[in-house]
C-alpha atoms as a PDB file:
ATOM      1  CA  MET A   1      -3.024 -26.767  12.205  1.00  0.00           C
ATOM      2  CA  THR A   2       0.752 -26.556  12.376  1.00  0.00           C
ATOM      3  CA  ASP A   3       2.391 -25.490  15.638  1.00  0.00           C
ATOM      4  CA  ILE A   4       5.870 -23.910  15.486  1.00  0.00           C
ATOM      5  CA  THR A   5       8.188 -22.782  18.272  1.00  0.00           C
ATOM      6  CA  TYR A   6      11.098 -20.379  18.038  1.00  0.00           C
ATOM      7  CA  SER A   7      13.799 -20.808  20.709  1.00  0.00           C
ATOM      8  CA  ILE A   8      16.349 -18.196  21.827  1.00  0.00           C
ATOM      9  CA  VAL A   9      19.885 -19.628  21.877  1.00  0.00           C
ATOM     10  CA  GLU A  10      23.502 -18.531  22.045  1.00  0.00           C
ATOM     11  CA  HIS A  11      24.965 -18.767  18.573  1.00  0.00           C
ATOM     12  CA  ASP A  12      28.140 -17.779  16.734  1.00  0.00           C
ATOM     13  CA  GLY A  13      29.406 -15.371  19.390  1.00  0.00           C
ATOM     14  CA  GLY A  14      26.011 -13.778  19.996  1.00  0.00           C
ATOM     15  CA  TRP A  15      22.345 -14.725  20.128  1.00  0.00           C
ATOM     16  CA  ALA A  16      19.884 -16.126  17.610  1.00  0.00           C
ATOM     17  CA  TYR A  17      16.438 -17.607  17.403  1.00  0.00           C
ATOM     18  CA  LYS A  18      16.081 -21.128  16.130  1.00  0.00           C
ATOM     19  CA  LEU A  19      13.290 -23.069  14.454  1.00  0.00           C
ATOM     20  CA  GLY A  20      14.050 -26.780  14.327  1.00  0.00           C
ATOM     21  CA  ASP A  21      17.669 -27.028  13.177  1.00  0.00           C
ATOM     22  CA  VAL A  22      17.678 -23.628  11.447  1.00  0.00           C
ATOM     23  CA  PHE A  23      19.238 -20.538  13.043  1.00  0.00           C
ATOM     24  CA  SER A  24      18.375 -16.927  12.340  1.00  0.00           C
ATOM     25  CA  GLU A  25      21.041 -14.336  11.753  1.00  0.00           C
ATOM     26  CA  THR A  26      23.239 -13.649  14.782  1.00  0.00           C
ATOM     27  CA  PHE A  27      22.174 -10.764  17.018  1.00  0.00           C
ATOM     28  CA  ALA A  28      24.510  -8.833  19.318  1.00  0.00           C
ATOM     29  CA  SER A  29      22.192  -9.150  22.324  1.00  0.00           C
ATOM     30  CA  HIS A  30      19.747 -11.578  23.833  1.00  0.00           C
ATOM     31  CA  GLU A  31      17.042  -8.905  23.746  1.00  0.00           C
ATOM     32  CA  ALA A  32      17.552  -8.285  20.028  1.00  0.00           C
ATOM     33  CA  ALA A  33      17.257 -12.023  19.280  1.00  0.00           C
ATOM     34  CA  LEU A  34      14.107 -12.250  21.407  1.00  0.00           C
ATOM     35  CA  ASN A  35      12.572  -9.292  19.577  1.00  0.00           C
ATOM     36  CA  GLY A  36      13.527 -10.871  16.237  1.00  0.00           C
ATOM     37  CA  ALA A  37      11.845 -14.141  17.226  1.00  0.00           C
ATOM     38  CA  LYS A  38       8.701 -12.305  18.336  1.00  0.00           C
ATOM     39  CA  ARG A  39       8.622 -10.423  15.025  1.00  0.00           C
ATOM     40  CA  ALA A  40       9.077 -13.653  13.011  1.00  0.00           C
ATOM     41  CA  ALA A  41       6.334 -15.382  15.047  1.00  0.00           C
ATOM     42  CA  ALA A  42       3.954 -12.468  14.461  1.00  0.00           C
ATOM     43  CA  GLU A  43       4.660 -12.471  10.717  1.00  0.00           C
ATOM     44  CA  GLN A  44       3.724 -16.155  10.581  1.00  0.00           C
ATOM     45  CA  GLN A  45       0.240 -15.209  11.801  1.00  0.00           C
ATOM     46  CA  VAL A  46      -0.485 -12.829   8.912  1.00  0.00           C
ATOM     47  CA  ALA A  47      -2.850 -14.350   6.389  1.00  0.00           C
ATOM     48  CA  GLY A  48      -1.866 -14.210   2.769  1.00  0.00           C
ATOM     49  CA  GLU A  49      -3.562 -14.978  -0.501  1.00  0.00           C
ATOM     50  CA  THR A  50      -4.554 -18.399  -1.721  1.00  0.00           C
ATOM     51  CA  THR A  51      -1.975 -19.350  -4.327  1.00  0.00           C
ATOM     52  CA  GLY A  52      -0.731 -22.282  -6.333  1.00  0.00           C
ATOM     53  CA  ILE A  53       2.630 -23.792  -5.426  1.00  0.00           C
ATOM     54  CA  SER A  54       4.892 -26.191  -7.308  1.00  0.00           C
ATOM     55  CA  TYR A  55       7.600 -28.271  -5.659  1.00  0.00           C
ATOM     56  CA  GLU A  56       9.766 -31.279  -6.297  1.00  0.00           C
ATOM     57  CA  ASP A  57       9.165 -34.152  -3.880  1.00  0.00           C
ATOM     58  CA  GLU A  58      11.775 -36.504  -2.406  1.00  0.00           C
ATOM     59  CA  LYS A  59      11.382 -38.867  -5.397  1.00  0.00           C
ATOM     60  CA  GLY A  60      12.086 -36.137  -7.938  1.00  0.00           C
ATOM     61  CA  ARG A  61       8.465 -35.712  -9.059  1.00  0.00           C
ATOM     62  CA  TRP A  62       6.985 -32.253  -9.465  1.00  0.00           C
ATOM     63  CA  ARG A  63       3.794 -31.567  -7.536  1.00  0.00           C
ATOM     64  CA  ASP A  64       1.243 -28.766  -7.874  1.00  0.00           C
ATOM     65  CA  GLU A  65      -0.943 -27.815  -4.921  1.00  0.00           C
ATOM     66  CA  LEU A  66      -3.219 -25.019  -3.846  1.00  0.00           C
ATOM     67  CA  SER A  67      -2.034 -23.266  -0.677  1.00  0.00           C
ATOM     68  CA  PRO A  68      -4.818 -21.472   1.206  1.00  0.00           C
ATOM     69  CA  GLY A  69      -3.716 -18.062   2.462  1.00  0.00           C
ATOM     70  CA  ASP A  70      -5.586 -18.412   5.739  1.00  0.00           C
ATOM     71  CA  ASP A  71      -3.908 -21.686   6.802  1.00  0.00           C
ATOM     72  CA  ARG A  72      -1.503 -20.118   9.302  1.00  0.00           C
ATOM     73  CA  PRO A  73       0.446 -21.936  12.046  1.00  0.00           C
ATOM     74  CA  THR A  74       0.190 -21.364  15.762  1.00  0.00           C
ATOM     75  CA  THR A  75       3.486 -19.804  16.909  1.00  0.00           C
ATOM     76  CA  HIS A  76       5.380 -19.670  20.199  1.00  0.00           C
ATOM     77  CA  VAL A  77       8.631 -18.098  21.390  1.00  0.00           C
ATOM     78  CA  VAL A  78      10.514 -19.990  24.125  1.00  0.00           C
ATOM     79  CA  ASP A  79      13.256 -18.262  26.087  1.00  0.00           C
ATOM     80  CA  LYS A  80      14.898 -20.692  28.522  1.00  0.00           C
ATOM     81  CA  THR A  81      17.786 -18.396  29.447  1.00  0.00           C
END
């Protein structure tokens, strides 16, 4: 199972949550960014429907896979401020 962690960080004159190298939108307050991260983490837990996906791999080949809707990651929110 995949494990993902959102971090609360200062960003672009305000606050944001970050996953890997990707920032969320900028929030005016630390509390708003923390709430946004908690909401995003909770949404990751919601099961969806099993569906087919198509994507292009790093070698330019198209791949088709079946994505199970119940394969959800474990999520965390880290606030080191």
